[in-house]
Amino acid sequence: MLLLLSGYFIATFWIFFDRFHILNSRISTEAKSLKALYTAQSKNVQHTSLLFTYLTRVNVPNKAILEAAASDAVRVATKGLTWLSIIASTSPFIGLFGTVIGILETFSKLSGQASASLNVVAPAISEALVATAAGIAVATFAYTFHLILKRKAYELSSLLASQSEVILSQVNEG
């Protein structure tokens, strides 16, 4: 069980650092693009914006293409969140299962002895409880990282929506 929880732990951090880096760079890019639109430095999104490729495919920007671009960007940005959610919800149960197995093994070993004192039982039980602690620790990280990435994805979505509104208002004015 501890081996599986170790894999979960590694996957949790891998997903988090990968997605966090990607989301931060995209948020930075979209924030710069939005700032350029707001300050009238540009009539269109920057070439590095996620919206740019979609806008180059149409003659006149419209709401449908901007919504499709934003939806696609958010879909890609939220990759891995499902895995973090699965890890956060299952790792405490895996840890608990490991503890139950450890306690069963301890009682099985004790059944063969004539008498068992606290000096024999306590270390075995505490060793079994390590699996529960590991499961809770993994779940805590996975859930926390899930919420952080979810917030970052919302921030990206908000920036894309704001850019879309500015672009559509420019089209309507023109």
N, C-alpha and C. Protein backbone atom coordinates (compact mmCIF):
# COMPACT_ATOMS: atom_id res chain seq x y z
N MET A 1 0.81 -1.19 0.00
CA MET A 1 0.00 0.00 0.00
C MET A 1 0.87 1.27 0.00
N LEU A 2 1.95 1.20 0.74
CA LEU A 2 2.84 2.37 0.78
C LEU A 2 3.49 2.63 -0.57
N LEU A 3 3.73 1.58 -1.33
CA LEU A 3 4.29 1.74 -2.67
C LEU A 3 3.30 2.46 -3.58
N LEU A 4 2.05 2.06 -3.51
CA LEU A 4 1.01 2.72 -4.30
C LEU A 4 0.85 4.18 -3.88
N LEU A 5 0.86 4.43 -2.57
CA LEU A 5 0.76 5.81 -2.09
C LEU A 5 1.98 6.65 -2.49
N SER A 6 3.14 6.01 -2.57
CA SER A 6 4.33 6.72 -3.04
C SER A 6 4.16 7.13 -4.50
N GLY A 7 3.60 6.23 -5.30
CA GLY A 7 3.31 6.56 -6.70
C GLY A 7 2.31 7.70 -6.81
N TYR A 8 1.28 7.66 -5.96
CA TYR A 8 0.31 8.75 -5.92
C TYR A 8 0.98 10.07 -5.56
N PHE A 9 1.87 10.01 -4.59
CA PHE A 9 2.58 11.21 -4.13
C PHE A 9 3.40 11.82 -5.25
N ILE A 10 4.13 10.99 -5.96
CA ILE A 10 4.96 11.46 -7.07
C ILE A 10 4.08 12.02 -8.18
N ALA A 11 3.00 11.32 -8.51
CA ALA A 11 2.08 11.80 -9.55
C ALA A 11 1.46 13.13 -9.17
N THR A 12 1.11 13.29 -7.91
CA THR A 12 0.50 14.54 -7.43
C THR A 12 1.44 15.71 -7.66
N PHE A 13 2.67 15.56 -7.25
CA PHE A 13 3.63 16.65 -7.43
C PHE A 13 3.97 16.87 -8.90
N TRP A 14 4.07 15.81 -9.66
CA TRP A 14 4.37 15.94 -11.09
C TRP A 14 3.27 16.74 -11.79
N ILE A 15 2.03 16.33 -11.58
CA ILE A 15 0.90 17.03 -12.20
C ILE A 15 0.86 18.48 -11.76
N PHE A 16 1.04 18.71 -10.47
CA PHE A 16 0.96 20.08 -9.97
C PHE A 16 2.02 20.98 -10.59
N PHE A 17 3.27 20.57 -10.53
CA PHE A 17 4.33 21.44 -11.04
C PHE A 17 4.23 21.65 -12.54
N ASP A 18 3.85 20.62 -13.27
CA ASP A 18 3.68 20.74 -14.72
C ASP A 18 2.56 21.72 -15.05
N ARG A 19 1.40 21.49 -14.49
CA ARG A 19 0.24 22.35 -14.78
C ARG A 19 0.43 23.76 -14.23
N PHE A 20 1.03 23.89 -13.06
CA PHE A 20 1.23 25.21 -12.45
C PHE A 20 2.12 26.07 -13.34
N HIS A 21 3.19 25.48 -13.84
CA HIS A 21 4.11 26.21 -14.72
C HIS A 21 3.40 26.63 -16.00
N ILE A 22 2.68 25.71 -16.61
CA ILE A 22 1.97 26.02 -17.86
C ILE A 22 0.91 27.09 -17.63
N LEU A 23 0.12 26.94 -16.58
CA LEU A 23 -0.94 27.92 -16.30
C LEU A 23 -0.36 29.30 -16.00
N ASN A 24 0.69 29.35 -15.22
CA ASN A 24 1.30 30.66 -14.92
C ASN A 24 1.80 31.36 -16.17
N SER A 25 2.43 30.60 -17.07
CA SER A 25 2.93 31.24 -18.29
C SER A 25 1.77 31.70 -19.18
N ARG A 26 0.72 30.90 -19.26
CA ARG A 26 -0.44 31.29 -20.06
C ARG A 26 -1.16 32.49 -19.46
N ILE A 27 -1.28 32.51 -18.16
CA ILE A 27 -1.93 33.64 -17.48
C ILE A 27 -1.13 34.91 -17.73
N SER A 28 0.17 34.81 -17.64
CA SER A 28 1.04 35.97 -17.89
C SER A 28 0.88 36.48 -19.31
N THR A 29 0.87 35.56 -20.26
CA THR A 29 0.70 35.93 -21.68
C THR A 29 -0.64 36.60 -21.92
N GLU A 30 -1.69 36.02 -21.39
CA GLU A 30 -3.03 36.57 -21.61
C GLU A 30 -3.22 37.90 -20.88
N ALA A 31 -2.59 38.06 -19.73
CA ALA A 31 -2.68 39.33 -19.00
C ALA A 31 -1.99 40.45 -19.79
N LYS A 32 -0.85 40.15 -20.39
CA LYS A 32 -0.16 41.15 -21.23
C LYS A 32 -1.01 41.50 -22.45
N SER A 33 -1.60 40.49 -23.06
CA SER A 33 -2.44 40.72 -24.22
C SER A 33 -3.65 41.57 -23.87
N LEU A 34 -4.27 41.28 -22.74
CA LEU A 34 -5.43 42.05 -22.29
C LEU A 34 -5.04 43.49 -21.97
N LYS A 35 -3.90 43.66 -21.35
CA LYS A 35 -3.43 45.00 -21.02
C LYS A 35 -3.20 45.82 -22.28
N ALA A 36 -2.64 45.19 -23.30
CA ALA A 36 -2.42 45.87 -24.58
C ALA A 36 -3.75 46.28 -25.22
N LEU A 37 -4.76 45.43 -25.09
CA LEU A 37 -6.08 45.76 -25.62
C LEU A 37 -6.72 46.90 -24.85
N TYR A 38 -6.63 46.85 -23.52
CA TYR A 38 -7.23 47.89 -22.67
C TYR A 38 -6.59 49.25 -22.88
N THR A 39 -5.28 49.26 -23.04
CA THR A 39 -4.57 50.52 -23.17
C THR A 39 -4.51 51.00 -24.62
N ALA A 40 -5.22 50.30 -25.48
CA ALA A 40 -5.30 50.65 -26.91
C ALA A 40 -3.95 50.61 -27.61
N GLN A 41 -3.03 49.85 -27.09
CA GLN A 41 -1.74 49.66 -27.75
C GLN A 41 -1.89 48.73 -28.94
N SER A 42 -2.98 47.97 -28.92
CA SER A 42 -3.22 47.01 -29.98
C SER A 42 -4.72 46.89 -30.22
N LYS A 43 -5.07 46.64 -31.46
CA LYS A 43 -6.48 46.42 -31.82
C LYS A 43 -6.82 44.93 -31.78
N ASN A 44 -5.80 44.09 -31.66
CA ASN A 44 -6.01 42.66 -31.66
C ASN A 44 -5.18 42.03 -30.55
N VAL A 45 -5.47 40.78 -30.23
CA VAL A 45 -4.69 40.08 -29.21
C VAL A 45 -3.26 39.88 -29.71
N GLN A 46 -2.36 39.67 -28.78
CA GLN A 46 -0.97 39.44 -29.16
C GLN A 46 -0.83 38.10 -29.87
N HIS A 47 0.25 37.96 -30.63
CA HIS A 47 0.49 36.73 -31.39
C HIS A 47 0.66 35.51 -30.48
N THR A 48 1.07 35.75 -29.24
CA THR A 48 1.29 34.65 -28.30
C THR A 48 0.02 34.24 -27.55
N SER A 49 -1.04 34.98 -27.73
CA SER A 49 -2.30 34.69 -27.05
C SER A 49 -2.92 33.40 -27.58
N LEU A 50 -3.61 32.72 -26.71
CA LEU A 50 -4.31 31.49 -27.10
C LEU A 50 -5.44 31.79 -28.08
N LEU A 51 -5.96 32.99 -28.06
CA LEU A 51 -7.05 33.38 -28.96
C LEU A 51 -6.57 33.69 -30.37
N PHE A 52 -5.31 34.01 -30.52
CA PHE A 52 -4.78 34.48 -31.79
C PHE A 52 -5.01 33.48 -32.94
N THR A 53 -4.68 32.22 -32.72
CA THR A 53 -4.83 31.24 -33.80
C THR A 53 -6.28 31.10 -34.25
N TYR A 54 -7.19 31.23 -33.32
CA TYR A 54 -8.61 31.13 -33.69
C TYR A 54 -9.06 32.37 -34.46
N LEU A 55 -8.57 33.52 -34.05
CA LEU A 55 -8.97 34.77 -34.70
C LEU A 55 -8.41 34.89 -36.11
N THR A 56 -7.27 34.27 -36.36
CA THR A 56 -6.69 34.34 -37.71
C THR A 56 -7.48 33.49 -38.71
N ARG A 57 -8.34 32.63 -38.23
CA ARG A 57 -9.12 31.75 -39.10
C ARG A 57 -10.43 32.37 -39.58
N VAL A 58 -10.78 33.52 -39.02
CA VAL A 58 -12.04 34.17 -39.41
C VAL A 58 -11.76 35.60 -39.88
N ASN A 59 -12.63 36.09 -40.76
CA ASN A 59 -12.48 37.46 -41.24
C ASN A 59 -12.89 38.48 -40.18
N VAL A 60 -14.02 38.20 -39.56
CA VAL A 60 -14.53 39.10 -38.52
C VAL A 60 -14.70 38.29 -37.24
N PRO A 61 -14.08 38.73 -36.16
CA PRO A 61 -14.23 37.99 -34.90
C PRO A 61 -15.69 37.93 -34.47
N ASN A 62 -16.10 36.77 -34.00
CA ASN A 62 -17.48 36.63 -33.52
C ASN A 62 -17.47 35.88 -32.19
N LYS A 63 -18.60 35.95 -31.53
CA LYS A 63 -18.71 35.37 -30.20
C LYS A 63 -18.47 33.86 -30.21
N ALA A 64 -18.97 33.18 -31.21
CA ALA A 64 -18.84 31.73 -31.28
C ALA A 64 -17.38 31.28 -31.34
N ILE A 65 -16.60 31.92 -32.18
CA ILE A 65 -15.19 31.52 -32.32
C ILE A 65 -14.41 31.85 -31.04
N LEU A 66 -14.73 32.97 -30.42
CA LEU A 66 -14.04 33.34 -29.17
C LEU A 66 -14.41 32.40 -28.03
N GLU A 67 -15.67 32.00 -27.97
CA GLU A 67 -16.09 31.04 -26.95
C GLU A 67 -15.44 29.67 -27.19
N ALA A 68 -15.34 29.28 -28.44
CA ALA A 68 -14.68 28.00 -28.76
C ALA A 68 -13.21 28.03 -28.36
N ALA A 69 -12.56 29.15 -28.63
CA ALA A 69 -11.14 29.28 -28.27
C ALA A 69 -10.96 29.24 -26.76
N ALA A 70 -11.79 29.98 -26.05
CA ALA A 70 -11.69 30.00 -24.59
C ALA A 70 -11.99 28.63 -24.00
N SER A 71 -13.00 27.97 -24.54
CA SER A 71 -13.37 26.64 -24.05
C SER A 71 -12.24 25.64 -24.27
N ASP A 72 -11.64 25.70 -25.45
CA ASP A 72 -10.53 24.81 -25.76
C ASP A 72 -9.34 25.07 -24.83
N ALA A 73 -9.05 26.34 -24.60
CA ALA A 73 -7.93 26.71 -23.74
C ALA A 73 -8.16 26.23 -22.30
N VAL A 74 -9.36 26.38 -21.81
CA VAL A 74 -9.66 25.95 -20.44
C VAL A 74 -9.63 24.43 -20.34
N ARG A 75 -10.11 23.73 -21.37
CA ARG A 75 -10.06 22.27 -21.39
C ARG A 75 -8.62 21.78 -21.28
N VAL A 76 -7.74 22.39 -22.05
CA VAL A 76 -6.33 22.01 -22.02
C VAL A 76 -5.70 22.39 -20.68
N ALA A 77 -6.08 23.56 -20.17
CA ALA A 77 -5.50 24.05 -18.91
C ALA A 77 -5.88 23.19 -17.71
N THR A 78 -7.04 22.57 -17.76
CA THR A 78 -7.50 21.78 -16.62
C THR A 78 -7.13 20.31 -16.71
N LYS A 79 -6.29 19.97 -17.67
CA LYS A 79 -5.80 18.58 -17.76
C LYS A 79 -5.10 18.24 -16.44
N GLY A 80 -5.35 17.06 -15.96
CA GLY A 80 -4.69 16.62 -14.72
C GLY A 80 -5.51 16.86 -13.48
N LEU A 81 -6.49 17.76 -13.55
CA LEU A 81 -7.29 18.04 -12.36
C LEU A 81 -8.11 16.81 -11.94
N THR A 82 -8.56 16.06 -12.90
CA THR A 82 -9.32 14.85 -12.58
C THR A 82 -8.45 13.87 -11.81
N TRP A 83 -7.21 13.72 -12.24
CA TRP A 83 -6.30 12.81 -11.53
C TRP A 83 -6.03 13.28 -10.11
N LEU A 84 -5.85 14.58 -9.94
CA LEU A 84 -5.64 15.09 -8.58
C LEU A 84 -6.86 14.83 -7.71
N SER A 85 -8.04 14.97 -8.29
CA SER A 85 -9.27 14.70 -7.55
C SER A 85 -9.38 13.22 -7.18
N ILE A 86 -9.04 12.36 -8.11
CA ILE A 86 -9.08 10.91 -7.84
C ILE A 86 -8.08 10.55 -6.74
N ILE A 87 -6.88 11.09 -6.85
CA ILE A 87 -5.85 10.81 -5.84
C ILE A 87 -6.29 11.32 -4.48
N ALA A 88 -6.84 12.53 -4.44
CA ALA A 88 -7.28 13.11 -3.17
C ALA A 88 -8.39 12.30 -2.51
N SER A 89 -9.26 11.73 -3.32
CA SER A 89 -10.38 10.99 -2.74
C SER A 89 -10.07 9.52 -2.44
N THR A 90 -9.12 8.93 -3.13
CA THR A 90 -8.85 7.51 -2.91
C THR A 90 -7.68 7.22 -1.97
N SER A 91 -6.72 8.12 -1.88
CA SER A 91 -5.53 7.81 -1.07
C SER A 91 -5.82 7.59 0.42
N PRO A 92 -6.76 8.30 1.05
CA PRO A 92 -7.05 7.95 2.46
C PRO A 92 -7.59 6.52 2.61
N PHE A 93 -8.38 6.08 1.64
CA PHE A 93 -8.92 4.71 1.70
C PHE A 93 -7.83 3.67 1.48
N ILE A 94 -6.91 3.98 0.59
CA ILE A 94 -5.78 3.06 0.36
C ILE A 94 -4.94 2.97 1.63
N GLY A 95 -4.69 4.13 2.27
CA GLY A 95 -3.95 4.14 3.53
C GLY A 95 -4.68 3.37 4.62
N LEU A 96 -5.98 3.54 4.71
CA LEU A 96 -6.76 2.83 5.70
C LEU A 96 -6.74 1.32 5.43
N PHE A 97 -6.82 0.95 4.17
CA PHE A 97 -6.74 -0.46 3.81
C PHE A 97 -5.39 -1.04 4.24
N GLY A 98 -4.32 -0.28 4.02
CA GLY A 98 -2.99 -0.73 4.46
C GLY A 98 -2.92 -0.89 5.97
N THR A 99 -3.58 0.00 6.70
CA THR A 99 -3.61 -0.10 8.15
C THR A 99 -4.37 -1.35 8.60
N VAL A 100 -5.49 -1.61 7.98
CA VAL A 100 -6.29 -2.80 8.32
C VAL A 100 -5.47 -4.06 8.07
N ILE A 101 -4.80 -4.11 6.93
CA ILE A 101 -3.96 -5.28 6.63
C ILE A 101 -2.86 -5.41 7.68
N GLY A 102 -2.22 -4.30 8.05
CA GLY A 102 -1.16 -4.34 9.06
C GLY A 102 -1.66 -4.81 10.41
N ILE A 103 -2.85 -4.36 10.81
CA ILE A 103 -3.43 -4.79 12.09
C ILE A 103 -3.80 -6.27 12.04
N LEU A 104 -4.36 -6.71 10.91
CA LEU A 104 -4.69 -8.13 10.77
C LEU A 104 -3.44 -9.00 10.86
N GLU A 105 -2.36 -8.57 10.22
CA GLU A 105 -1.10 -9.32 10.30
C GLU A 105 -0.57 -9.35 11.73
N THR A 106 -0.71 -8.23 12.43
CA THR A 106 -0.25 -8.16 13.82
C THR A 106 -1.03 -9.14 14.69
N PHE A 107 -2.35 -9.13 14.55
CA PHE A 107 -3.17 -10.05 15.35
C PHE A 107 -2.90 -11.50 14.97
N SER A 108 -2.63 -11.74 13.71
CA SER A 108 -2.31 -13.10 13.27
C SER A 108 -1.02 -13.59 13.93
N LYS A 109 -0.01 -12.73 13.99
CA LYS A 109 1.25 -13.09 14.64
C LYS A 109 1.07 -13.28 16.13
N LEU A 110 0.20 -12.46 16.74
CA LEU A 110 -0.01 -12.55 18.18
C LEU A 110 -0.79 -13.80 18.58
N SER A 111 -1.58 -14.32 17.65
CA SER A 111 -2.39 -15.49 17.99
C SER A 111 -1.52 -16.72 18.27
N GLY A 112 -0.34 -16.74 17.74
CA GLY A 112 0.56 -17.87 17.95
C GLY A 112 1.33 -17.77 19.25
N GLN A 113 1.27 -16.65 19.94
CA GLN A 113 2.02 -16.47 21.18
C GLN A 113 1.11 -16.76 22.38
N ALA A 114 1.73 -17.18 23.46
CA ALA A 114 0.96 -17.51 24.66
C ALA A 114 0.39 -16.26 25.29
N SER A 115 1.19 -15.20 25.35
CA SER A 115 0.70 -13.95 25.94
C SER A 115 1.30 -12.79 25.14
N ALA A 116 0.55 -11.72 25.13
CA ALA A 116 1.02 -10.54 24.39
C ALA A 116 0.93 -9.33 25.30
N SER A 117 2.02 -8.62 25.39
CA SER A 117 2.02 -7.41 26.22
C SER A 117 1.95 -6.18 25.32
N LEU A 118 1.79 -5.05 25.96
CA LEU A 118 1.73 -3.79 25.23
C LEU A 118 3.04 -3.52 24.49
N ASN A 119 4.14 -4.00 25.03
CA ASN A 119 5.44 -3.81 24.38
C ASN A 119 5.52 -4.51 23.03
N VAL A 120 4.75 -5.55 22.84
CA VAL A 120 4.74 -6.28 21.59
C VAL A 120 3.69 -5.72 20.63
N VAL A 121 2.51 -5.37 21.15
CA VAL A 121 1.39 -4.93 20.34
C VAL A 121 1.57 -3.49 19.83
N ALA A 122 2.00 -2.59 20.69
CA ALA A 122 2.07 -1.17 20.34
C ALA A 122 2.95 -0.87 19.12
N PRO A 123 4.16 -1.38 19.05
CA PRO A 123 4.98 -1.09 17.86
C PRO A 123 4.35 -1.61 16.55
N ALA A 124 3.74 -2.76 16.61
CA ALA A 124 3.14 -3.34 15.41
C ALA A 124 1.94 -2.52 14.95
N ILE A 125 1.13 -2.08 15.91
CA ILE A 125 -0.04 -1.26 15.57
C ILE A 125 0.40 0.10 15.05
N SER A 126 1.39 0.70 15.68
CA SER A 126 1.84 2.02 15.21
C SER A 126 2.47 1.93 13.82
N GLU A 127 3.12 0.81 13.54
CA GLU A 127 3.67 0.59 12.20
C GLU A 127 2.54 0.48 11.17
N ALA A 128 1.47 -0.16 11.57
CA ALA A 128 0.31 -0.30 10.67
C ALA A 128 -0.34 1.05 10.40
N LEU A 129 -0.35 1.94 11.38
CA LEU A 129 -0.98 3.25 11.23
C LEU A 129 -0.21 4.19 10.31
N VAL A 130 1.01 3.86 9.99
CA VAL A 130 1.80 4.69 9.06
C VAL A 130 1.11 4.77 7.70
N ALA A 131 0.47 3.71 7.29
CA ALA A 131 -0.23 3.71 6.00
C ALA A 131 -1.37 4.72 5.99
N THR A 132 -2.12 4.81 7.09
CA THR A 132 -3.20 5.81 7.15
C THR A 132 -2.63 7.22 7.11
N ALA A 133 -1.57 7.44 7.86
CA ALA A 133 -0.94 8.77 7.86
C ALA A 133 -0.43 9.13 6.47
N ALA A 134 0.15 8.18 5.77
CA ALA A 134 0.65 8.43 4.41
C ALA A 134 -0.51 8.75 3.48
N GLY A 135 -1.61 8.01 3.59
CA GLY A 135 -2.78 8.26 2.75
C GLY A 135 -3.36 9.64 2.98
N ILE A 136 -3.43 10.05 4.23
CA ILE A 136 -3.96 11.39 4.54
C ILE A 136 -3.01 12.47 4.03
N ALA A 137 -1.72 12.25 4.17
CA ALA A 137 -0.74 13.24 3.69
C ALA A 137 -0.84 13.41 2.17
N VAL A 138 -0.92 12.31 1.45
CA VAL A 138 -1.04 12.38 -0.01
C VAL A 138 -2.34 13.09 -0.40
N ALA A 139 -3.43 12.75 0.28
CA ALA A 139 -4.72 13.36 -0.02
C ALA A 139 -4.70 14.87 0.23
N THR A 140 -4.03 15.28 1.29
CA THR A 140 -3.95 16.70 1.61
C THR A 140 -3.23 17.47 0.50
N PHE A 141 -2.11 16.96 0.06
CA PHE A 141 -1.39 17.62 -1.03
C PHE A 141 -2.21 17.62 -2.32
N ALA A 142 -2.79 16.48 -2.66
CA ALA A 142 -3.56 16.38 -3.91
C ALA A 142 -4.75 17.34 -3.91
N TYR A 143 -5.46 17.42 -2.79
CA TYR A 143 -6.63 18.29 -2.72
C TYR A 143 -6.21 19.77 -2.77
N THR A 144 -5.16 20.11 -2.05
CA THR A 144 -4.66 21.48 -2.06
C THR A 144 -4.21 21.89 -3.45
N PHE A 145 -3.44 21.03 -4.10
CA PHE A 145 -2.97 21.33 -5.45
C PHE A 145 -4.12 21.41 -6.44
N HIS A 146 -5.13 20.58 -6.26
CA HIS A 146 -6.32 20.62 -7.11
C HIS A 146 -6.98 21.99 -7.02
N LEU A 147 -7.14 22.48 -5.80
CA LEU A 147 -7.79 23.79 -5.62
C LEU A 147 -6.94 24.93 -6.19
N ILE A 148 -5.64 24.86 -6.03
CA ILE A 148 -4.76 25.91 -6.57
C ILE A 148 -4.85 25.94 -8.09
N LEU A 149 -4.78 24.77 -8.72
CA LEU A 149 -4.84 24.70 -10.18
C LEU A 149 -6.23 25.09 -10.70
N LYS A 150 -7.25 24.74 -9.96
CA LYS A 150 -8.60 25.12 -10.36
C LYS A 150 -8.74 26.64 -10.35
N ARG A 151 -8.17 27.28 -9.35
CA ARG A 151 -8.20 28.74 -9.28
C ARG A 151 -7.40 29.36 -10.43
N LYS A 152 -6.27 28.79 -10.76
CA LYS A 152 -5.46 29.29 -11.88
C LYS A 152 -6.22 29.14 -13.20
N ALA A 153 -6.90 28.02 -13.37
CA ALA A 153 -7.69 27.80 -14.59
C ALA A 153 -8.82 28.82 -14.67
N TYR A 154 -9.43 29.14 -13.54
CA TYR A 154 -10.48 30.17 -13.52
C TYR A 154 -9.90 31.53 -13.91
N GLU A 155 -8.72 31.83 -13.41
CA GLU A 155 -8.05 33.10 -13.73
C GLU A 155 -7.79 33.19 -15.24
N LEU A 156 -7.30 32.11 -15.83
CA LEU A 156 -7.06 32.07 -17.27
C LEU A 156 -8.37 32.25 -18.03
N SER A 157 -9.41 31.57 -17.60
CA SER A 157 -10.72 31.67 -18.24
C SER A 157 -11.24 33.10 -18.18
N SER A 158 -11.05 33.74 -17.06
CA SER A 158 -11.50 35.12 -16.88
C SER A 158 -10.75 36.08 -17.81
N LEU A 159 -9.45 35.88 -17.95
CA LEU A 159 -8.65 36.72 -18.85
C LEU A 159 -9.08 36.53 -20.30
N LEU A 160 -9.35 35.30 -20.68
CA LEU A 160 -9.79 35.02 -22.05
C LEU A 160 -11.17 35.64 -22.32
N ALA A 161 -12.05 35.55 -21.32
CA ALA A 161 -13.39 36.14 -21.47
C ALA A 161 -13.30 37.66 -21.59
N SER A 162 -12.43 38.27 -20.81
CA SER A 162 -12.26 39.72 -20.88
C SER A 162 -11.73 40.15 -22.24
N GLN A 163 -10.74 39.42 -22.75
CA GLN A 163 -10.21 39.74 -24.08
C GLN A 163 -11.29 39.59 -25.15
N SER A 164 -12.09 38.55 -25.01
CA SER A 164 -13.18 38.32 -25.97
C SER A 164 -14.16 39.48 -25.97
N GLU A 165 -14.50 39.96 -24.79
CA GLU A 165 -15.44 41.08 -24.69
C GLU A 165 -14.88 42.35 -25.32
N VAL A 166 -13.59 42.61 -25.10
CA VAL A 166 -12.96 43.79 -25.69
C VAL A 166 -12.93 43.66 -27.20
N ILE A 167 -12.57 42.50 -27.70
CA ILE A 167 -12.50 42.29 -29.16
C ILE A 167 -13.89 42.45 -29.76
N LEU A 168 -14.91 41.87 -29.14
CA LEU A 168 -16.28 41.99 -29.65
C LEU A 168 -16.79 43.43 -29.61
N SER A 169 -16.39 44.17 -28.58
CA SER A 169 -16.81 45.57 -28.51
C SER A 169 -16.15 46.40 -29.61
N GLN A 170 -14.91 46.06 -29.95
CA GLN A 170 -14.23 46.74 -31.05
C GLN A 170 -14.90 46.44 -32.39
N VAL A 171 -15.35 45.20 -32.57
CA VAL A 171 -16.02 44.80 -33.80
C VAL A 171 -17.35 45.55 -33.91
N ASN A 172 -18.07 45.63 -32.79
CA ASN A 172 -19.36 46.31 -32.79
C ASN A 172 -19.24 47.82 -33.02
N GLU A 173 -18.14 48.40 -32.58
CA GLU A 173 -17.89 49.84 -32.79
C GLU A 173 -17.52 50.13 -34.24
N GLY A 174 -16.80 49.17 -34.83
CA GLY A 174 -16.28 49.37 -36.19
C GLY A 174 -17.25 49.09 -37.21
